[in-house]
C-alpha atoms as a PDB file:
ATOM      1  CA  MET A   1      28.992  33.114 -99.976  1.00  0.00           C
ATOM      2  CA  ALA A   2      28.006  29.622 -98.898  1.00  0.00           C
ATOM      3  CA  ASP A   3      30.313  29.886 -95.775  1.00  0.00           C
ATOM      4  CA  SER A   4      28.983  33.143 -94.750  1.00  0.00           C
ATOM      5  CA  LYS A   5      25.545  31.518 -94.644  1.00  0.00           C
ATOM      6  CA  VAL A   6      26.593  28.717 -92.714  1.00  0.00           C
ATOM      7  CA  PHE A   7      28.260  30.991 -90.088  1.00  0.00           C
ATOM      8  CA  ARG A   8      25.230  33.260 -89.911  1.00  0.00           C
ATOM      9  CA  ARG A   9      23.039  30.240 -89.261  1.00  0.00           C
ATOM     10  CA  SER A  10      25.303  29.231 -86.689  1.00  0.00           C
ATOM     11  CA  LEU A  11      25.108  32.608 -84.922  1.00  0.00           C
ATOM     12  CA  VAL A  12      21.319  32.484 -84.898  1.00  0.00           C
ATOM     13  CA  GLU A  13      21.241  29.067 -83.145  1.00  0.00           C
ATOM     14  CA  GLN A  14      23.840  30.308 -80.555  1.00  0.00           C
ATOM     15  CA  VAL A  15      21.571  33.365 -79.765  1.00  0.00           C
ATOM     16  CA  ALA A  16      18.567  31.041 -79.727  1.00  0.00           C
ATOM     17  CA  ASP A  17      20.301  28.755 -77.330  1.00  0.00           C
ATOM     18  CA  LEU A  18      21.183  31.713 -75.077  1.00  0.00           C
ATOM     19  CA  LEU A  19      17.516  32.807 -75.011  1.00  0.00           C
ATOM     20  CA  ARG A  20      16.448  29.210 -74.261  1.00  0.00           C
ATOM     21  CA  GLU A  21      18.881  29.110 -71.372  1.00  0.00           C
ATOM     22  CA  ARG A  22      17.723  32.321 -69.829  1.00  0.00           C
ATOM     23  CA  ILE A  23      14.141  31.169 -70.075  1.00  0.00           C
ATOM     24  CA  ALA A  24      14.799  27.722 -68.702  1.00  0.00           C
ATOM     25  CA  ALA A  25      16.731  29.279 -65.849  1.00  0.00           C
ATOM     26  CA  GLY A  26      13.444  31.384 -64.843  1.00  0.00           C
ATOM     27  CA  ASP A  27      15.292  34.624 -65.734  1.00  0.00           C
ATOM     28  CA  TRP A  28      12.234  35.472 -67.936  1.00  0.00           C
ATOM     29  CA  PRO A  29       9.324  33.485 -66.445  1.00  0.00           C
ATOM     30  CA  THR A  30       6.281  32.327 -68.624  1.00  0.00           C
ATOM     31  CA  GLY A  31       3.885  35.246 -69.368  1.00  0.00           C
ATOM     32  CA  THR A  32       6.571  37.999 -68.993  1.00  0.00           C
ATOM     33  CA  ARG A  33       8.061  40.169 -71.571  1.00  0.00           C
ATOM     34  CA  ILE A  34      11.649  39.438 -72.825  1.00  0.00           C
ATOM     35  CA  PRO A  35      14.135  42.318 -73.016  1.00  0.00           C
ATOM     36  CA  THR A  36      13.702  44.536 -76.099  1.00  0.00           C
ATOM     37  CA  GLU A  37      15.731  43.869 -79.331  1.00  0.00           C
ATOM     38  CA  PRO A  38      18.332  46.408 -78.604  1.00  0.00           C
ATOM     39  CA  GLU A  39      18.850  44.982 -75.172  1.00  0.00           C
ATOM     40  CA  LEU A  40      19.104  41.395 -76.532  1.00  0.00           C
ATOM     41  CA  VAL A  41      21.781  42.650 -78.910  1.00  0.00           C
ATOM     42  CA  GLU A  42      23.863  44.119 -76.076  1.00  0.00           C
ATOM     43  CA  LEU A  43      23.250  40.867 -74.103  1.00  0.00           C
ATOM     44  CA  SER A  44      24.229  38.524 -76.914  1.00  0.00           C
ATOM     45  CA  GLY A  45      26.805  40.600 -78.758  1.00  0.00           C
ATOM     46  CA  ALA A  46      25.077  39.662 -82.043  1.00  0.00           C
ATOM     47  CA  SER A  47      23.667  41.914 -84.638  1.00  0.00           C
ATOM     48  CA  ARG A  48      19.986  43.075 -84.823  1.00  0.00           C
ATOM     49  CA  ASN A  49      19.353  40.862 -87.674  1.00  0.00           C
ATOM     50  CA  THR A  50      20.640  37.765 -85.898  1.00  0.00           C
ATOM     51  CA  VAL A  51      18.714  38.442 -82.826  1.00  0.00           C
ATOM     52  CA  ARG A  52      15.596  39.002 -84.804  1.00  0.00           C
ATOM     53  CA  GLU A  53      15.963  35.661 -86.556  1.00  0.00           C
ATOM     54  CA  ALA A  54      16.680  33.879 -83.261  1.00  0.00           C
ATOM     55  CA  VAL A  55      13.448  35.307 -81.784  1.00  0.00           C
ATOM     56  CA  ARG A  56      11.569  34.439 -84.906  1.00  0.00           C
ATOM     57  CA  ALA A  57      12.745  30.842 -84.609  1.00  0.00           C
ATOM     58  CA  LEU A  58      11.622  30.516 -80.923  1.00  0.00           C
ATOM     59  CA  THR A  59       8.338  32.216 -81.789  1.00  0.00           C
ATOM     60  CA  PHE A  60       7.782  29.632 -84.563  1.00  0.00           C
ATOM     61  CA  ALA A  61       8.627  26.849 -82.027  1.00  0.00           C
ATOM     62  CA  GLY A  62       5.981  28.164 -79.589  1.00  0.00           C
ATOM     63  CA  VAL A  63       8.543  29.319 -76.916  1.00  0.00           C
ATOM     64  CA  LEU A  64       7.968  33.125 -77.573  1.00  0.00           C
ATOM     65  CA  GLU A  65       4.949  34.983 -78.708  1.00  0.00           C
ATOM     66  CA  THR A  66       5.078  38.454 -80.211  1.00  0.00           C
ATOM     67  CA  CYS A  67       2.319  40.996 -79.464  1.00  0.00           C
ATOM     68  CA  GLN A  68       2.301  43.744 -82.046  1.00  0.00           C
ATOM     69  CA  GLY A  69       3.158  47.093 -80.385  1.00  0.00           C
ATOM     70  CA  ASP A  70       3.726  45.408 -77.053  1.00  0.00           C
ATOM     71  CA  GLY A  71       6.938  43.351 -77.337  1.00  0.00           C
ATOM     72  CA  THR A  72       7.616  39.534 -77.201  1.00  0.00           C
ATOM     73  CA  TYR A  73       6.527  37.368 -74.277  1.00  0.00           C
ATOM     74  CA  VAL A  74       7.480  33.961 -72.955  1.00  0.00           C
ATOM     75  CA  ARG A  75       4.815  31.434 -73.851  1.00  0.00           C
ATOM     76  CA  ASN A  76       6.572  28.179 -72.846  1.00  0.00           C
ATOM     77  CA  ARG A  77       9.658  27.332 -70.947  1.00  0.00           C
ATOM     78  CA  ILE A  78      10.184  24.290 -73.043  1.00  0.00           C
ATOM     79  CA  ASP A  79      10.986  24.097 -76.813  1.00  0.00           C
ATOM     80  CA  PRO A  80       9.679  21.091 -78.341  1.00  0.00           C
ATOM     81  CA  SER A  81      12.243  21.294 -81.192  1.00  0.00           C
ATOM     82  CA  ALA A  82      15.250  21.291 -78.746  1.00  0.00           C
ATOM     83  CA  THR A  83      13.566  18.282 -76.972  1.00  0.00           C
ATOM     84  CA  MET A  84      13.422  16.426 -80.418  1.00  0.00           C
ATOM     85  CA  ARG A  85      17.169  17.332 -81.079  1.00  0.00           C
ATOM     86  CA  ALA A  86      18.083  16.008 -77.692  1.00  0.00           C
ATOM     87  CA  LEU A  87      16.207  12.872 -78.286  1.00  0.00           C
ATOM     88  CA  GLY A  88      17.929  12.454 -81.608  1.00  0.00           C
ATOM     89  CA  ARG A  89      21.334  12.856 -80.116  1.00  0.00           C
ATOM     90  CA  ALA A  90      20.518  10.265 -77.188  1.00  0.00           C
ATOM     91  CA  SER A  91      22.309   6.960 -77.404  1.00  0.00           C
ATOM     92  CA  LEU A  92      20.500   3.627 -78.141  1.00  0.00           C
ATOM     93  CA  ARG A  93      20.698   2.632 -74.539  1.00  0.00           C
ATOM     94  CA  GLU A  94      19.172   5.951 -73.307  1.00  0.00           C
ATOM     95  CA  HIS A  95      16.468   5.769 -75.838  1.00  0.00           C
ATOM     96  CA  LEU A  96      15.485   2.330 -74.937  1.00  0.00           C
ATOM     97  CA  GLU A  97      15.359   3.199 -71.287  1.00  0.00           C
ATOM     98  CA  LEU A  98      13.075   6.102 -71.890  1.00  0.00           C
ATOM     99  CA  ARG A  99      10.895   3.948 -74.213  1.00  0.00           C
ATOM    100  CA  SER A 100      10.685   1.121 -71.502  1.00  0.00           C
ATOM    101  CA  LEU A 101       9.473   3.631 -68.991  1.00  0.00           C
ATOM    102  CA  LEU A 102       6.730   4.790 -71.264  1.00  0.00           C
ATOM    103  CA  GLU A 103       5.632   1.370 -72.368  1.00  0.00           C
ATOM    104  CA  VAL A 104       5.747  -0.420 -69.017  1.00  0.00           C
ATOM    105  CA  GLU A 105       3.486   2.062 -67.531  1.00  0.00           C
ATOM    106  CA  ALA A 106       1.232   2.319 -70.481  1.00  0.00           C
ATOM    107  CA  ALA A 107       0.763  -1.457 -70.393  1.00  0.00           C
ATOM    108  CA  ARG A 108      -0.024  -1.469 -66.737  1.00  0.00           C
ATOM    109  CA  LEU A 109      -2.633   1.191 -67.157  1.00  0.00           C
ATOM    110  CA  ALA A 110      -4.100  -0.289 -70.301  1.00  0.00           C
ATOM    111  CA  ALA A 111      -4.798  -3.641 -68.320  1.00  0.00           C
ATOM    112  CA  LEU A 112      -6.854  -1.569 -65.849  1.00  0.00           C
ATOM    113  CA  ARG A 113      -8.713   0.614 -68.212  1.00  0.00           C
ATOM    114  CA  ARG A 114      -8.994  -1.443 -71.574  1.00  0.00           C
ATOM    115  CA  SER A 115     -12.359  -1.771 -73.316  1.00  0.00           C
ATOM    116  CA  PRO A 116     -13.510  -4.810 -75.437  1.00  0.00           C
ATOM    117  CA  ALA A 117     -13.327  -2.804 -78.703  1.00  0.00           C
ATOM    118  CA  GLU A 118      -9.674  -1.551 -77.798  1.00  0.00           C
ATOM    119  CA  LEU A 119      -8.690  -5.223 -77.044  1.00  0.00           C
ATOM    120  CA  ALA A 120      -9.947  -6.260 -80.477  1.00  0.00           C
ATOM    121  CA  GLN A 121      -7.987  -3.541 -82.119  1.00  0.00           C
ATOM    122  CA  LEU A 122      -4.886  -4.381 -80.244  1.00  0.00           C
ATOM    123  CA  ALA A 123      -5.179  -7.989 -81.323  1.00  0.00           C
ATOM    124  CA  ALA A 124      -5.434  -7.095 -84.925  1.00  0.00           C
ATOM    125  CA  LEU A 125      -2.511  -4.876 -84.542  1.00  0.00           C
ATOM    126  CA  LEU A 126      -0.530  -7.773 -82.984  1.00  0.00           C
ATOM    127  CA  ALA A 127      -1.397 -10.029 -85.860  1.00  0.00           C
ATOM    128  CA  ALA A 128      -0.519  -7.286 -88.486  1.00  0.00           C
ATOM    129  CA  ARG A 129       2.786  -6.798 -86.737  1.00  0.00           C
ATOM    130  CA  GLY A 130       4.092 -10.174 -87.125  1.00  0.00           C
ATOM    131  CA  ASP A 131       7.699 -10.921 -86.735  1.00  0.00           C
ATOM    132  CA  ARG A 132      10.726  -8.938 -87.985  1.00  0.00           C
ATOM    133  CA  ALA A 133      10.834  -8.286 -91.655  1.00  0.00           C
ATOM    134  CA  PRO A 134      13.288 -10.734 -93.288  1.00  0.00           C
ATOM    135  CA  ASP A 135      15.264  -8.193 -95.193  1.00  0.00           C
ATOM    136  CA  ALA A 136      16.133  -4.545 -95.102  1.00  0.00           C
ATOM    137  CA  ALA A 137      13.663  -3.647 -97.789  1.00  0.00           C
ATOM    138  CA  GLY A 138      10.806  -4.489 -95.458  1.00  0.00           C
ATOM    139  CA  LEU A 139      12.277  -3.096 -92.413  1.00  0.00           C
ATOM    140  CA  ALA A 140      10.553   0.305 -92.544  1.00  0.00           C
ATOM    141  CA  ASP A 141       7.096  -1.263 -92.926  1.00  0.00           C
ATOM    142  CA  PHE A 142       7.723  -3.564 -89.943  1.00  0.00           C
ATOM    143  CA  ILE A 143       8.823  -0.629 -87.729  1.00  0.00           C
ATOM    144  CA  GLU A 144       5.752   1.175 -88.774  1.00  0.00           C
ATOM    145  CA  ARG A 145       3.468  -1.699 -87.670  1.00  0.00           C
ATOM    146  CA  ASP A 146       5.554  -2.118 -84.435  1.00  0.00           C
ATOM    147  CA  VAL A 147       5.119   1.568 -83.511  1.00  0.00           C
ATOM    148  CA  ARG A 148       1.418   1.445 -84.389  1.00  0.00           C
ATOM    149  CA  PHE A 149       0.959  -1.584 -81.908  1.00  0.00           C
ATOM    150  CA  HIS A 150       2.651   0.259 -79.139  1.00  0.00           C
ATOM    151  CA  ARG A 151       0.892   3.507 -79.825  1.00  0.00           C
ATOM    152  CA  GLN A 152      -2.451   1.612 -79.371  1.00  0.00           C
ATOM    153  CA  ILE A 153      -1.432   0.390 -75.928  1.00  0.00           C
ATOM    154  CA  ALA A 154      -0.475   4.016 -75.085  1.00  0.00           C
ATOM    155  CA  ALA A 155      -3.916   5.040 -76.145  1.00  0.00           C
ATOM    156  CA  MET A 156      -5.596   2.293 -74.138  1.00  0.00           C
ATOM    157  CA  ALA A 157      -3.939   3.640 -70.938  1.00  0.00           C
ATOM    158  CA  GLY A 158      -6.681   6.106 -70.498  1.00  0.00           C
ATOM    159  CA  ASN A 159      -4.181   8.950 -69.925  1.00  0.00           C
ATOM    160  CA  ALA A 160      -4.209  11.630 -72.683  1.00  0.00           C
ATOM    161  CA  ALA A 161      -0.921  13.224 -71.538  1.00  0.00           C
ATOM    162  CA  LEU A 162       0.879   9.767 -71.755  1.00  0.00           C
ATOM    163  CA  ALA A 163      -0.676   9.074 -75.154  1.00  0.00           C
ATOM    164  CA  GLN A 164       0.493  12.450 -76.569  1.00  0.00           C
ATOM    165  CA  LEU A 165       3.910  12.063 -75.045  1.00  0.00           C
ATOM    166  CA  TYR A 166       4.206   8.701 -76.677  1.00  0.00           C
ATOM    167  CA  ASP A 167       3.016  10.138 -79.956  1.00  0.00           C
ATOM    168  CA  PHE A 168       5.589  12.916 -79.824  1.00  0.00           C
ATOM    169  CA  PHE A 169       8.214  10.294 -78.841  1.00  0.00           C
ATOM    170  CA  ALA A 170       7.218   7.986 -81.761  1.00  0.00           C
ATOM    171  CA  VAL A 171       9.341   9.689 -84.387  1.00  0.00           C
ATOM    172  CA  SER A 172      12.371   9.130 -82.372  1.00  0.00           C
ATOM    173  CA  ILE A 173      11.367   5.546 -81.634  1.00  0.00           C
ATOM    174  CA  GLU A 174      11.173   4.746 -85.445  1.00  0.00           C
ATOM    175  CA  GLN A 175      14.826   6.196 -85.935  1.00  0.00           C
ATOM    176  CA  HIS A 176      16.250   4.300 -82.974  1.00  0.00           C
ATOM    177  CA  LEU A 177      14.352   1.009 -83.531  1.00  0.00           C
ATOM    178  CA  ALA A 178      16.069   0.763 -86.979  1.00  0.00           C
ATOM    179  CA  ASP A 179      19.388   0.955 -85.259  1.00  0.00           C
ATOM    180  CA  ALA A 180      18.555  -1.821 -82.829  1.00  0.00           C
ATOM    181  CA  LEU A 181      17.090  -4.189 -85.353  1.00  0.00           C
ATOM    182  CA  GLN A 182      19.969  -3.838 -87.759  1.00  0.00           C
ATOM    183  CA  ASP A 183      22.517  -4.657 -84.984  1.00  0.00           C
ATOM    184  CA  LYS A 184      22.619  -8.578 -85.249  1.00  0.00           C
ATOM    185  CA  ALA A 185      24.278  -8.922 -81.792  1.00  0.00           C
ATOM    186  CA  LEU A 186      21.342  -7.391 -79.802  1.00  0.00           C
ATOM    187  CA  PRO A 187      18.387  -9.637 -78.746  1.00  0.00           C
ATOM    188  CA  GLU A 188      15.315  -9.117 -80.800  1.00  0.00           C
ATOM    189  CA  PRO A 189      11.821  -9.351 -79.045  1.00  0.00           C
ATOM    190  CA  GLY A 190       9.572 -11.224 -81.274  1.00  0.00           C
ATOM    191  CA  HIS A 191       5.893 -12.108 -81.569  1.00  0.00           C
ATOM    192  CA  ALA A 192       5.739 -14.173 -78.418  1.00  0.00           C
ATOM    193  CA  GLU A 193       6.978 -11.412 -76.116  1.00  0.00           C
ATOM    194  CA  HIS A 194       4.463  -8.876 -77.658  1.00  0.00           C
ATOM    195  CA  ALA A 195       1.618 -11.530 -77.441  1.00  0.00           C
ATOM    196  CA  ALA A 196       2.478 -11.861 -73.738  1.00  0.00           C
ATOM    197  CA  VAL A 197       1.630  -8.004 -73.324  1.00  0.00           C
ATOM    198  CA  VAL A 198      -1.619  -8.417 -75.002  1.00  0.00           C
ATOM    199  CA  ALA A 199      -2.684 -11.489 -72.968  1.00  0.00           C
ATOM    200  CA  ALA A 200      -1.931  -9.776 -69.730  1.00  0.00           C
ATOM    201  CA  ILE A 201      -3.746  -6.628 -70.749  1.00  0.00           C
ATOM    202  CA  ALA A 202      -6.738  -8.884 -71.829  1.00  0.00           C
ATOM    203  CA  ALA A 203      -6.703 -10.583 -68.445  1.00  0.00           C
ATOM    204  CA  GLY A 204      -6.838  -7.301 -66.663  1.00  0.00           C
ATOM    205  CA  ASP A 205      -3.561  -8.162 -64.826  1.00  0.00           C
ATOM    206  CA  ALA A 206      -1.728  -4.739 -64.499  1.00  0.00           C
ATOM    207  CA  GLU A 207       1.527  -6.203 -62.983  1.00  0.00           C
ATOM    208  CA  ALA A 208       1.886  -9.074 -65.378  1.00  0.00           C
ATOM    209  CA  ALA A 209       1.275  -6.472 -68.300  1.00  0.00           C
ATOM    210  CA  ALA A 210       4.043  -4.207 -66.934  1.00  0.00           C
ATOM    211  CA  ALA A 211       6.490  -7.145 -66.391  1.00  0.00           C
ATOM    212  CA  ALA A 212       5.624  -8.506 -70.017  1.00  0.00           C
ATOM    213  CA  ALA A 213       6.230  -4.917 -71.334  1.00  0.00           C
ATOM    214  CA  ARG A 214       9.613  -4.559 -69.481  1.00  0.00           C
ATOM    215  CA  GLN A 215      10.649  -7.972 -70.946  1.00  0.00           C
ATOM    216  CA  ILE A 216      10.442  -6.540 -74.491  1.00  0.00           C
ATOM    217  CA  SER A 217      13.245  -4.087 -74.045  1.00  0.00           C
ATOM    218  CA  GLY A 218      14.904  -5.697 -70.990  1.00  0.00           C
ATOM    219  CA  PRO A 219      17.320  -8.194 -72.768  1.00  0.00           C
ATOM    220  CA  THR A 220      18.515  -5.561 -75.143  1.00  0.00           C
ATOM    221  CA  LEU A 221      19.093  -3.095 -72.294  1.00  0.00           C
ATOM    222  CA  ALA A 222      20.957  -5.815 -70.457  1.00  0.00           C
ATOM    223  CA  ARG A 223      23.254  -6.510 -73.503  1.00  0.00           C
ATOM    224  CA  LEU A 224      23.947  -2.811 -74.079  1.00  0.00           C
ATOM    225  CA  ALA A 225      24.911  -2.526 -70.459  1.00  0.00           C
ATOM    226  CA  THR A 226      27.265  -5.359 -70.791  1.00  0.00           C
ATOM    227  CA  GLU A 227      28.932  -3.956 -73.792  1.00  0.00           C
ATOM    228  CA  GLN A 228      29.235  -0.562 -72.045  1.00  0.00           C
ATOM    229  CA  VAL A 229      31.138  -2.248 -69.123  1.00  0.00           C
ATOM    230  CA  ARG A 230      33.439  -3.791 -71.613  1.00  0.00           C
END
């Protein structure tokens, strides 16, 4: 019985992936109605129940929208849950490269748009962040403080889309940051590197803020690149 359930879930995921691919390819543009359930059964080769569950999963994810008596329509081309799964599968290097892109631009914009109240809050978060926790027991709390510090910079950028993207990314950041901090061979950015970002933002120096933010992940990325070459 247990094996049957695992297999059935796998079929649902396969059909959902097929539908995602057709939507992403533009076969069913946003706002258009997808094929009927019998047509999806023929397309996928799966049972009606499997197709129905796959459609329900994509509806829950916000990709599809079912209109009673009128069929199911494409609501979004991108499935946020699929994006989160992709982030979860990303390597530490890939993750840090993406994080660096977001944090460097956030710091640059924050230097141009910060307010006195935001600067005061950022300084308080820097002080609360401190240095790395001395043992594994305090690692989770330290990571939470670190992410809170960087989310504040993203919020100070004055770009709602960037701030929301960083918030969305924050869950993956916490998972990968633990891996990076537990690897003793990787350089660990400390209080001084983070303080340099705050100082540049406070001074209104956008390029210095971007350079300081880049320096936080730069040494770790360089070490990972060296290890990959080996």
